[in-house]
Amino acid sequence: MDKKIAMNPNKVVRFLGKEPKDFTRDDIVRYCVDNQIEFVNFHYQGWDGNLKTLNFVILSQQHLEEILDAGERVDGSSLFPFIQAGKSDLYVKPRMNTAFLNPFTEVPTLDLLCDYYDRDGKPFESSPRHILHKASEVFTQTTGLKMETMGELEYYVVGDDEELYKIPDQKGYHESEPYCKYASLRTDAMRMIAQCGGLIKYGHSEVGNFSQDGKLYEQNEIEFLPTDIEDAADQLVIAKWVMYQLAYEYGVTLTFAPKITKGMAGSGLHVHMKFTQDGKSVMADGGELTDICKKAIAGLMLAGTSLPAFGNPSLESFQRLVPHQEAPTSLCWSFSNRSALVRVPLGWQHQPEFSGKQTFEWRASDGMANIYLLMAALCCATRHGLESEDALEVAEKTYVGLGVNIHDAQNKAIHDALEQLPASCAEAADELEKDRAIYTDEGIFSDSLVDYQIGFLKGI
């Protein structure tokens, strides 16, 4: 058996002996028949960012084939606030490559992610995932490159405080059990996410931990591996669903809120980006960043003030983006510098044998973002940089040297020369209006959806 298949945590992959991208309808039917699957669940994301579920009990093989082929009708006005009740019918159809065995149900159940279609059978243009699909397709068509991403999901678990094996506040980085009280929740989540198809790099406890009012707040992180931007977004959406469900079963609260309380570490959703051509990385050459990489970073600098409109859609988002908390506030990039908006991990650059692993990291967004819209916006921004004539000049002007903390008083001149991130949802909305063309170019985001997002942010 192929080495990629033999130890794959996804039981559907192992049974079928093929990678998810090669799954067919007939493969899924065969898996269900041979493994006595009794239920099929359709999942799809609502505008609120939560994963929705439609349950089917399998009545026969013919019935299974019909629901896999035709999908089912849903009420779009209950899923998207901008759809009127008078024309609200949408349809959800499953994507076979997303199939996984539900890790929570006692009855054997197969789950699949779905796409939205309108009553004419066309993709629903305002579906966040379809917006990401369009962004990815246009990116490849216009640049000849493929965009890969990976997320770092930071979160807090809130449970009862106890005196045993306590560690000082904000000293939880990479702690082991018993000092890390919810390590088992994290490892259970990693195992289940991997079974659902998630490509996990690693997990660990994070720096943020504190006790308050009889409760323990413990921060952890699960980080993924780079993969196709659409698949990366799917994995994060499934991961959040798994983690919420698991926390419910543990009887604790799990939150991706960007800020819990003042003075304590916030939680971000850092997104690493990588670009390939014909399957090979174009990020580094001879130990140096390529012009392609620098231009893509420049795109994030050019769109940096408007990207929070998609990546930081809550009041708490901007309570996290403050100085001296390892959260960015200025539009700049650097090597291995956590005060920068974009960080380039340094290790790979000086080890040519690892150059294929080179990424750069967008550090502003948080877990309250709609994952699909965030990834689509990042895709639009990097394409904008690759197509901008002055991109290399922008990259040079916004570069901050290694080891330069722009929040230090001695670096005030550097700080003052840089553009700043917006300080509120309303300011982010204004910046989105200014940068509208970056996102609506090639019809990726519609003007009506941008208008809706601006109105939503200004109403917070």
Protein backbone atom coordinates (compact mmCIF):
# COMPACT_ATOMS: atom_id res chain seq x y z
CA MET A 1 0.00 0.00 0.00
CA ASP A 2 1.13 3.56 -0.73
CA LYS A 3 2.99 5.04 2.25
CA LYS A 4 0.63 8.06 2.16
CA ILE A 5 -2.31 5.71 2.63
CA ALA A 6 -1.03 3.05 5.04
CA MET A 7 -0.98 5.18 8.20
CA ASN A 8 -3.52 7.82 7.18
CA PRO A 9 -5.81 8.60 10.18
CA ASN A 10 -8.83 9.03 7.91
CA LYS A 11 -10.52 5.62 7.89
CA VAL A 12 -12.20 6.28 4.55
CA VAL A 13 -8.82 6.92 2.94
CA ARG A 14 -7.38 3.70 4.37
CA PHE A 15 -10.37 1.61 3.32
CA LEU A 16 -10.54 2.94 -0.24
CA GLY A 17 -6.76 2.95 -0.68
CA LYS A 18 -6.73 6.32 -2.39
CA GLU A 19 -6.30 9.99 -1.52
CA PRO A 20 -9.41 12.13 -0.95
CA LYS A 21 -8.97 14.09 -4.18
CA ASP A 22 -9.62 10.83 -6.05
CA PHE A 23 -12.83 9.86 -4.21
CA THR A 24 -15.87 9.25 -6.42
CA ARG A 25 -19.56 8.86 -5.65
CA ASP A 26 -19.25 5.13 -6.20
CA ASP A 27 -16.32 5.00 -3.73
CA ILE A 28 -18.45 6.60 -1.04
CA VAL A 29 -21.34 4.23 -1.71
CA ARG A 30 -18.99 1.23 -1.51
CA TYR A 31 -17.54 2.46 1.77
CA CYS A 32 -21.02 2.91 3.26
CA VAL A 33 -22.24 -0.52 2.11
CA ASP A 34 -19.14 -2.42 3.23
CA ASN A 35 -18.89 -0.63 6.59
CA GLN A 36 -22.59 -0.73 7.48
CA ILE A 37 -22.93 3.05 7.61
CA GLU A 38 -26.41 3.96 8.87
CA PHE A 39 -26.37 7.76 8.71
CA VAL A 40 -24.96 10.42 6.38
CA ASN A 41 -24.46 13.98 7.62
CA PHE A 42 -24.17 16.98 5.31
CA HIS A 43 -22.20 19.92 6.75
CA TYR A 44 -22.08 23.48 5.41
CA GLN A 45 -21.10 26.78 6.95
CA GLY A 46 -23.65 29.47 7.70
CA TRP A 47 -22.89 33.18 7.54
CA ASP A 48 -22.30 33.09 11.30
CA GLY A 49 -19.28 30.87 10.70
CA ASN A 50 -20.77 27.83 12.45
CA LEU A 51 -20.91 24.46 10.76
CA LYS A 52 -24.51 23.41 10.06
CA THR A 53 -25.73 19.80 9.82
CA LEU A 54 -28.40 17.92 7.90
CA ASN A 55 -28.90 14.28 8.96
CA PHE A 56 -29.97 11.44 6.67
CA VAL A 57 -30.76 7.89 7.76
CA ILE A 58 -29.85 5.61 4.86
CA LEU A 59 -32.95 3.75 3.67
CA SER A 60 -31.37 1.84 0.81
CA GLN A 61 -28.42 1.95 -1.56
CA GLN A 62 -30.60 3.73 -4.08
CA HIS A 63 -31.54 6.33 -1.48
CA LEU A 64 -27.86 6.86 -0.62
CA GLU A 65 -26.97 7.33 -4.29
CA GLU A 66 -29.79 9.84 -4.71
CA ILE A 67 -28.78 12.07 -1.81
CA LEU A 68 -25.12 11.99 -2.85
CA ASP A 69 -26.03 12.92 -6.43
CA ALA A 70 -28.80 15.45 -5.87
CA GLY A 71 -28.07 16.92 -2.46
CA GLU A 72 -30.96 18.58 -0.66
CA ARG A 73 -32.86 21.86 -0.42
CA VAL A 74 -32.27 24.23 2.53
CA ASP A 75 -33.67 27.59 3.64
CA GLY A 76 -31.09 30.17 2.58
CA SER A 77 -32.77 33.02 4.47
CA SER A 78 -32.10 31.19 7.75
CA LEU A 79 -28.44 30.70 6.82
CA PHE A 80 -27.57 34.06 5.24
CA PRO A 81 -29.03 37.31 6.62
CA PHE A 82 -28.99 39.05 3.24
CA ILE A 83 -31.26 36.47 1.53
CA GLN A 84 -34.94 37.40 1.41
CA ALA A 85 -37.50 34.83 2.55
CA GLY A 86 -39.39 35.19 -0.74
CA LYS A 87 -36.52 33.67 -2.74
CA SER A 88 -34.68 31.71 -0.14
CA ASP A 89 -34.31 28.22 -1.59
CA LEU A 90 -30.72 27.00 -1.79
CA TYR A 91 -29.37 23.52 -2.38
CA VAL A 92 -26.45 21.78 -0.72
CA LYS A 93 -24.48 19.12 -2.59
CA PRO A 94 -21.66 17.10 -0.99
CA ARG A 95 -18.04 17.08 -2.13
CA MET A 96 -16.86 13.48 -2.11
CA ASN A 97 -13.26 14.40 -1.28
CA THR A 98 -14.35 15.67 2.15
CA ALA A 99 -15.81 12.37 3.40
CA PHE A 100 -14.88 11.19 6.89
CA LEU A 101 -16.25 8.85 9.53
CA ASN A 102 -17.88 10.93 12.26
CA PRO A 103 -15.66 10.55 15.36
CA PHE A 104 -18.45 11.31 17.84
CA THR A 105 -21.46 9.18 16.89
CA GLU A 106 -22.11 5.71 18.31
CA VAL A 107 -24.05 4.73 15.19
CA PRO A 108 -21.68 4.47 12.14
CA THR A 109 -22.07 7.81 10.37
CA LEU A 110 -20.34 9.30 7.34
CA ASP A 111 -19.98 13.09 7.13
CA LEU A 112 -19.30 15.28 4.09
CA LEU A 113 -18.88 19.01 3.50
CA CYS A 114 -21.22 20.59 0.98
CA ASP A 115 -21.29 23.47 -1.50
CA TYR A 116 -24.28 25.78 -1.97
CA TYR A 117 -26.18 26.06 -5.26
CA ASP A 118 -29.05 28.32 -6.31
CA ARG A 119 -32.33 27.12 -7.81
CA ASP A 120 -30.82 27.34 -11.30
CA GLY A 121 -28.12 24.85 -10.32
CA LYS A 122 -25.36 27.44 -10.30
CA PRO A 123 -22.95 27.97 -7.39
CA PHE A 124 -24.35 30.45 -4.88
CA GLU A 125 -22.15 33.47 -5.53
CA SER A 126 -22.26 34.83 -1.97
CA SER A 127 -21.29 31.57 -0.30
CA PRO A 128 -18.02 32.24 1.55
CA ARG A 129 -16.53 28.98 0.32
CA HIS A 130 -17.42 29.74 -3.29
CA ILE A 131 -15.80 33.16 -2.91
CA LEU A 132 -12.63 31.39 -1.78
CA HIS A 133 -12.90 28.96 -4.70
CA LYS A 134 -13.13 31.87 -7.15
CA ALA A 135 -10.20 33.64 -5.48
CA SER A 136 -8.03 30.52 -5.72
CA GLU A 137 -8.94 29.84 -9.35
CA VAL A 138 -8.28 33.43 -10.46
CA PHE A 139 -5.01 33.48 -8.52
CA THR A 140 -3.72 30.44 -10.41
CA GLN A 141 -5.05 31.61 -13.77
CA THR A 142 -3.44 35.06 -13.52
CA THR A 143 -0.16 34.22 -11.77
CA GLY A 144 0.54 30.65 -12.82
CA LEU A 145 1.08 29.82 -9.15
CA LYS A 146 -0.77 27.72 -6.62
CA MET A 147 -1.41 29.18 -3.18
CA GLU A 148 -1.11 27.00 -0.10
CA THR A 149 -1.91 28.03 3.45
CA MET A 150 -1.85 26.65 6.97
CA GLY A 151 -3.48 27.93 10.14
CA GLU A 152 -2.40 28.16 13.75
CA LEU A 153 -5.50 27.80 15.91
CA GLU A 154 -4.97 29.36 19.34
CA TYR A 155 -7.71 28.93 21.93
CA TYR A 156 -8.47 29.03 25.63
CA VAL A 157 -10.04 26.26 27.68
CA VAL A 158 -11.93 27.51 30.74
CA GLY A 159 -12.45 25.13 33.67
CA ASP A 160 -12.40 25.00 37.44
CA ASP A 161 -9.22 26.25 39.07
CA GLU A 162 -7.22 23.99 41.36
CA GLU A 163 -4.09 24.37 43.46
CA LEU A 164 -2.25 21.28 42.25
CA TYR A 165 0.68 21.82 39.89
CA LYS A 166 0.03 25.46 39.17
CA ILE A 167 2.37 27.58 37.07
CA PRO A 168 2.71 31.36 37.14
CA ASP A 169 0.36 33.40 34.98
CA GLN A 170 1.45 33.77 31.35
CA LYS A 171 4.12 31.07 31.68
CA GLY A 172 2.35 28.19 29.98
CA TYR A 173 4.44 27.87 26.82
CA HIS A 174 4.97 24.19 25.89
CA GLU A 175 4.13 22.96 29.39
CA SER A 176 3.49 19.24 29.90
CA GLU A 177 0.91 17.50 32.03
CA PRO A 178 0.10 17.90 34.90
CA TYR A 179 1.03 21.59 34.58
CA CYS A 180 -1.00 21.72 31.37
CA LYS A 181 -4.41 20.63 32.64
CA TYR A 182 -6.14 20.22 29.26
CA ALA A 183 -3.44 18.49 27.27
CA SER A 184 -5.70 15.44 26.85
CA LEU A 185 -8.45 17.58 25.31
CA ARG A 186 -5.88 18.94 22.87
CA THR A 187 -4.53 15.51 21.90
CA ASP A 188 -8.05 14.07 21.59
CA ALA A 189 -8.90 16.98 19.30
CA MET A 190 -5.78 16.42 17.20
CA ARG A 191 -6.60 12.73 16.79
CA MET A 192 -10.20 13.44 15.77
CA ILE A 193 -9.31 16.30 13.43
CA ALA A 194 -6.78 14.04 11.71
CA GLN A 195 -9.45 11.34 11.35
CA CYS A 196 -11.63 13.97 9.66
CA GLY A 197 -8.86 14.73 7.14
CA GLY A 198 -6.98 17.53 8.88
CA LEU A 199 -3.25 17.72 8.17
CA ILE A 200 -1.88 18.58 11.59
CA LYS A 201 1.71 19.69 12.15
CA TYR A 202 1.68 19.62 15.95
CA GLY A 203 -0.06 20.83 19.09
CA HIS A 204 1.18 22.37 22.33
CA SER A 205 0.20 24.51 25.28
CA GLU A 206 0.65 28.24 24.68
CA VAL A 207 1.99 31.01 26.88
CA GLY A 208 -1.42 32.29 28.00
CA ASN A 209 -2.69 30.90 31.30
CA PHE A 210 -4.16 32.58 34.35
CA SER A 211 -6.59 32.09 37.21
CA GLN A 212 -9.51 34.40 37.86
CA ASP A 213 -12.66 34.13 40.01
CA GLY A 214 -12.15 30.43 40.67
CA LYS A 215 -11.63 29.58 37.01
CA LEU A 216 -8.53 28.43 35.18
CA TYR A 217 -7.96 29.91 31.73
CA GLU A 218 -5.49 27.77 29.80
CA GLN A 219 -4.27 28.55 26.30
CA ASN A 220 -3.35 25.88 23.75
CA GLU A 221 -2.60 25.76 20.05
CA ILE A 222 -3.04 23.32 17.18
CA GLU A 223 -1.03 24.05 14.05
CA PHE A 224 -1.60 22.61 10.58
CA LEU A 225 0.58 21.80 7.57
CA PRO A 226 0.51 23.80 4.31
CA THR A 227 -1.94 22.53 1.73
CA ASP A 228 -4.18 23.86 -1.04
CA ILE A 229 -5.86 27.03 0.28
CA GLU A 230 -9.38 25.64 -0.15
CA ASP A 231 -8.55 22.40 1.65
CA ALA A 232 -6.76 24.37 4.38
CA ALA A 233 -9.90 26.40 5.04
CA ASP A 234 -12.08 23.27 5.12
CA GLN A 235 -9.75 21.72 7.70
CA LEU A 236 -9.94 24.74 9.99
CA VAL A 237 -13.74 24.83 9.80
CA ILE A 238 -13.95 21.13 10.69
CA ALA A 239 -11.33 21.56 13.42
CA LYS A 240 -13.34 24.27 15.19
CA TRP A 241 -16.45 22.08 15.04
CA VAL A 242 -14.54 19.11 16.51
CA MET A 243 -13.01 21.22 19.27
CA TYR A 244 -16.31 22.77 20.35
CA GLN A 245 -18.00 19.36 20.41
CA LEU A 246 -15.16 17.80 22.36
CA ALA A 247 -15.14 20.63 24.92
CA TYR A 248 -18.88 20.12 25.39
CA GLU A 249 -18.27 16.45 26.14
CA TYR A 250 -15.47 17.37 28.57
CA GLY A 251 -17.83 19.80 30.34
CA VAL A 252 -15.58 22.82 29.82
CA THR A 253 -15.78 26.01 27.79
CA LEU A 254 -13.50 26.38 24.76
CA THR A 255 -13.19 29.77 23.11
CA PHE A 256 -11.37 31.25 20.15
CA ALA A 257 -12.12 34.77 21.45
CA PRO A 258 -9.17 37.01 20.57
CA LYS A 259 -8.98 38.59 24.02
CA ILE A 260 -10.12 37.27 27.39
CA THR A 261 -8.95 40.03 29.69
CA LYS A 262 -6.56 42.98 29.66
CA GLY A 263 -2.91 42.21 30.23
CA MET A 264 -3.16 38.53 29.31
CA ALA A 265 -2.17 36.94 26.01
CA GLY A 266 -4.79 36.98 23.29
CA SER A 267 -5.55 34.22 20.80
CA GLY A 268 -4.85 34.67 17.12
CA LEU A 269 -5.39 32.69 13.97
CA HIS A 270 -2.02 33.13 12.29
CA VAL A 271 -2.01 32.07 8.63
CA HIS A 272 1.16 30.87 6.90
CA MET A 273 1.34 31.19 3.13
CA LYS A 274 3.34 29.35 0.50
CA PHE A 275 3.36 29.49 -3.30
CA THR A 276 4.28 26.70 -5.69
CA GLN A 277 4.67 26.26 -9.42
CA ASP A 278 4.45 22.81 -10.97
CA GLY A 279 4.54 21.37 -7.46
CA LYS A 280 7.76 23.14 -6.43
CA SER A 281 8.08 26.01 -3.96
CA VAL A 282 8.95 29.42 -5.40
CA MET A 283 9.51 31.02 -1.99
CA ALA A 284 13.30 30.87 -1.68
CA ASP A 285 16.29 30.50 -3.96
CA GLY A 286 19.85 29.99 -2.78
CA GLY A 287 18.89 30.81 0.79
CA GLU A 288 17.23 34.12 -0.13
CA LEU A 289 13.59 35.09 -0.55
CA THR A 290 12.50 35.30 -4.17
CA ASP A 291 10.96 38.40 -5.73
CA ILE A 292 7.71 36.43 -5.96
CA CYS A 293 7.73 35.99 -2.19
CA LYS A 294 8.54 39.65 -1.57
CA LYS A 295 5.81 40.83 -3.96
CA ALA A 296 3.24 38.62 -2.23
CA ILE A 297 4.28 40.09 1.14
CA ALA A 298 3.97 43.56 -0.37
CA GLY A 299 0.38 42.71 -1.27
CA LEU A 300 -0.33 42.14 2.42
CA MET A 301 1.26 45.50 3.18
CA LEU A 302 -0.84 47.25 0.51
CA ALA A 303 -4.05 45.63 1.76
CA GLY A 304 -3.00 45.45 5.39
CA THR A 305 -5.41 48.03 6.77
CA SER A 306 -8.46 46.45 5.08
CA LEU A 307 -7.72 42.78 5.70
CA PRO A 308 -8.91 43.09 9.34
CA ALA A 309 -12.39 43.71 7.91
CA PHE A 310 -12.41 39.96 7.21
CA GLY A 311 -9.87 38.68 9.73
CA ASN A 312 -10.86 40.64 12.87
CA PRO A 313 -14.65 41.01 12.89
CA SER A 314 -15.28 41.61 16.61
CA LEU A 315 -14.76 44.21 19.32
CA GLU A 316 -12.35 41.88 21.11
CA SER A 317 -10.26 41.60 17.95
CA PHE A 318 -8.92 45.09 18.41
CA GLN A 319 -8.36 44.65 22.13
CA ARG A 320 -5.85 41.98 21.14
CA LEU A 321 -4.06 44.15 18.57
CA VAL A 322 -2.15 46.26 21.08
CA PRO A 323 1.61 46.80 21.65
CA HIS A 324 3.77 44.53 23.82
CA GLN A 325 1.48 41.47 23.53
CA GLU A 326 3.16 39.75 20.55
CA ALA A 327 0.33 41.06 18.38
CA PRO A 328 1.02 43.35 15.40
CA THR A 329 -0.09 46.96 15.17
CA SER A 330 2.09 48.33 12.35
CA LEU A 331 2.27 47.39 8.68
CA CYS A 332 5.71 45.86 8.39
CA TRP A 333 7.42 42.52 7.81
CA SER A 334 10.55 40.94 9.16
CA PHE A 335 12.46 37.74 9.71
CA SER A 336 11.60 35.84 12.88
CA ASN A 337 10.11 38.97 14.48
CA ARG A 338 6.83 38.58 16.36
CA SER A 339 6.16 42.30 16.57
CA ALA A 340 5.79 42.43 12.77
CA LEU A 341 2.53 42.04 10.88
CA VAL A 342 4.17 39.48 8.58
CA ARG A 343 6.87 37.21 9.98
CA VAL A 344 9.21 35.12 7.84
CA PRO A 345 10.48 32.14 9.89
CA LEU A 346 14.26 32.43 9.74
CA GLY A 347 15.41 28.83 10.00
CA TRP A 348 14.44 27.65 6.55
CA GLN A 349 16.09 30.59 4.81
CA HIS A 350 19.59 29.53 5.82
CA GLN A 351 19.10 25.80 5.23
CA PRO A 352 18.73 25.28 1.45
CA GLU A 353 17.74 21.64 1.96
CA PHE A 354 14.62 22.92 3.73
CA SER A 355 13.84 25.76 1.30
CA GLY A 356 10.76 23.92 0.08
CA LYS A 357 9.22 24.48 3.52
CA GLN A 358 9.62 28.27 3.48
CA THR A 359 6.45 30.17 4.36
CA PHE A 360 5.56 33.59 5.65
CA GLU A 361 3.03 34.27 8.37
CA TRP A 362 0.17 36.77 8.54
CA ARG A 363 -0.24 37.46 12.27
CA ALA A 364 -3.21 39.82 12.62
CA SER A 365 -6.31 37.66 12.19
CA ASP A 366 -8.09 35.68 14.89
CA GLY A 367 -10.40 32.71 15.28
CA MET A 368 -13.60 34.80 15.18
CA ALA A 369 -13.06 35.34 11.44
CA ASN A 370 -15.11 33.54 8.82
CA ILE A 371 -12.33 31.19 7.67
CA TYR A 372 -13.37 31.11 4.01
CA LEU A 373 -13.69 34.89 3.71
CA LEU A 374 -10.36 35.41 5.47
CA MET A 375 -8.54 33.00 3.15
CA ALA A 376 -10.21 34.54 0.10
CA ALA A 377 -9.17 38.03 1.21
CA LEU A 378 -5.55 36.92 1.78
CA CYS A 379 -5.58 35.34 -1.68
CA CYS A 380 -6.81 38.58 -3.24
CA ALA A 381 -4.23 40.63 -1.35
CA THR A 382 -1.25 38.50 -2.34
CA ARG A 383 -2.37 38.47 -5.98
CA HIS A 384 -2.63 42.26 -5.81
CA GLY A 385 0.99 42.38 -4.67
CA LEU A 386 2.16 40.04 -7.42
CA GLU A 387 0.46 42.24 -10.01
CA SER A 388 1.57 45.64 -8.59
CA GLU A 389 4.41 47.37 -10.40
CA ASP A 390 5.80 48.94 -7.24
CA ALA A 391 5.54 45.80 -5.09
CA LEU A 392 9.28 45.35 -4.56
CA GLU A 393 9.60 48.99 -3.52
CA VAL A 394 6.74 48.54 -1.04
CA ALA A 395 8.42 45.43 0.33
CA GLU A 396 11.69 47.31 0.83
CA LYS A 397 10.00 50.28 2.56
CA THR A 398 8.04 48.10 4.98
CA TYR A 399 10.88 45.77 5.95
CA VAL A 400 12.02 45.94 9.58
CA GLY A 401 15.34 44.42 10.58
CA LEU A 402 15.76 41.22 12.53
CA GLY A 403 15.55 41.85 16.26
CA VAL A 404 13.96 45.30 15.92
CA ASN A 405 10.96 45.54 18.24
CA ILE A 406 9.00 48.44 16.81
CA HIS A 407 7.16 48.90 20.11
CA ASP A 408 10.37 49.89 21.94
CA ALA A 409 10.85 53.59 22.57
CA GLN A 410 14.26 53.51 20.91
CA ASN A 411 12.57 52.49 17.64
CA LYS A 412 9.93 55.23 17.70
CA ALA A 413 11.12 56.73 14.41
CA ILE A 414 10.70 53.39 12.66
CA HIS A 415 7.25 52.92 14.21
CA ASP A 416 6.07 56.41 13.24
CA ALA A 417 7.11 55.88 9.61
CA LEU A 418 4.87 52.82 9.29
CA GLU A 419 1.15 52.71 8.55
CA GLN A 420 -0.92 51.41 11.46
CA LEU A 421 -3.64 48.77 11.57
CA PRO A 422 -7.16 50.06 12.23
CA ALA A 423 -8.12 50.36 15.88
CA SER A 424 -11.79 49.34 15.58
CA CYS A 425 -14.30 47.52 13.42
CA ALA A 426 -15.56 50.86 12.10
CA GLU A 427 -12.07 51.89 11.03
CA ALA A 428 -11.59 48.50 9.36
CA ALA A 429 -14.84 49.08 7.46
CA ASP A 430 -13.58 52.45 6.22
CA GLU A 431 -10.35 50.82 5.04
CA LEU A 432 -12.33 48.12 3.24
CA GLU A 433 -14.21 50.83 1.37
CA LYS A 434 -10.91 52.39 0.28
CA ASP A 435 -9.46 49.04 -0.82
CA ARG A 436 -12.70 47.68 -2.29
CA ALA A 437 -11.18 47.11 -5.74
CA ILE A 438 -8.57 44.67 -4.37
CA TYR A 439 -11.37 42.29 -3.39
CA THR A 440 -13.93 42.92 -6.13
CA ASP A 441 -11.39 42.62 -8.95
CA GLU A 442 -12.26 39.73 -11.28
CA GLY A 443 -15.61 39.39 -9.48
CA ILE A 444 -14.20 37.58 -6.46
CA PHE A 445 -16.18 39.51 -3.83
CA SER A 446 -19.36 41.15 -5.08
CA ASP A 447 -19.94 44.83 -4.34
CA SER A 448 -23.11 43.91 -2.48
CA LEU A 449 -21.23 41.55 -0.18
CA VAL A 450 -18.54 44.17 0.50
CA ASP A 451 -21.32 46.66 1.26
CA TYR A 452 -22.90 44.18 3.65
CA GLN A 453 -19.62 43.58 5.45
CA ILE A 454 -19.00 47.31 5.79
CA GLY A 455 -22.47 47.80 7.26
CA PHE A 456 -22.02 44.87 9.63
CA LEU A 457 -18.70 46.17 10.93
CA LYS A 458 -20.04 49.66 11.45
CA GLY A 459 -22.96 48.26 13.43
CA ILE A 460 -20.77 46.46 15.97
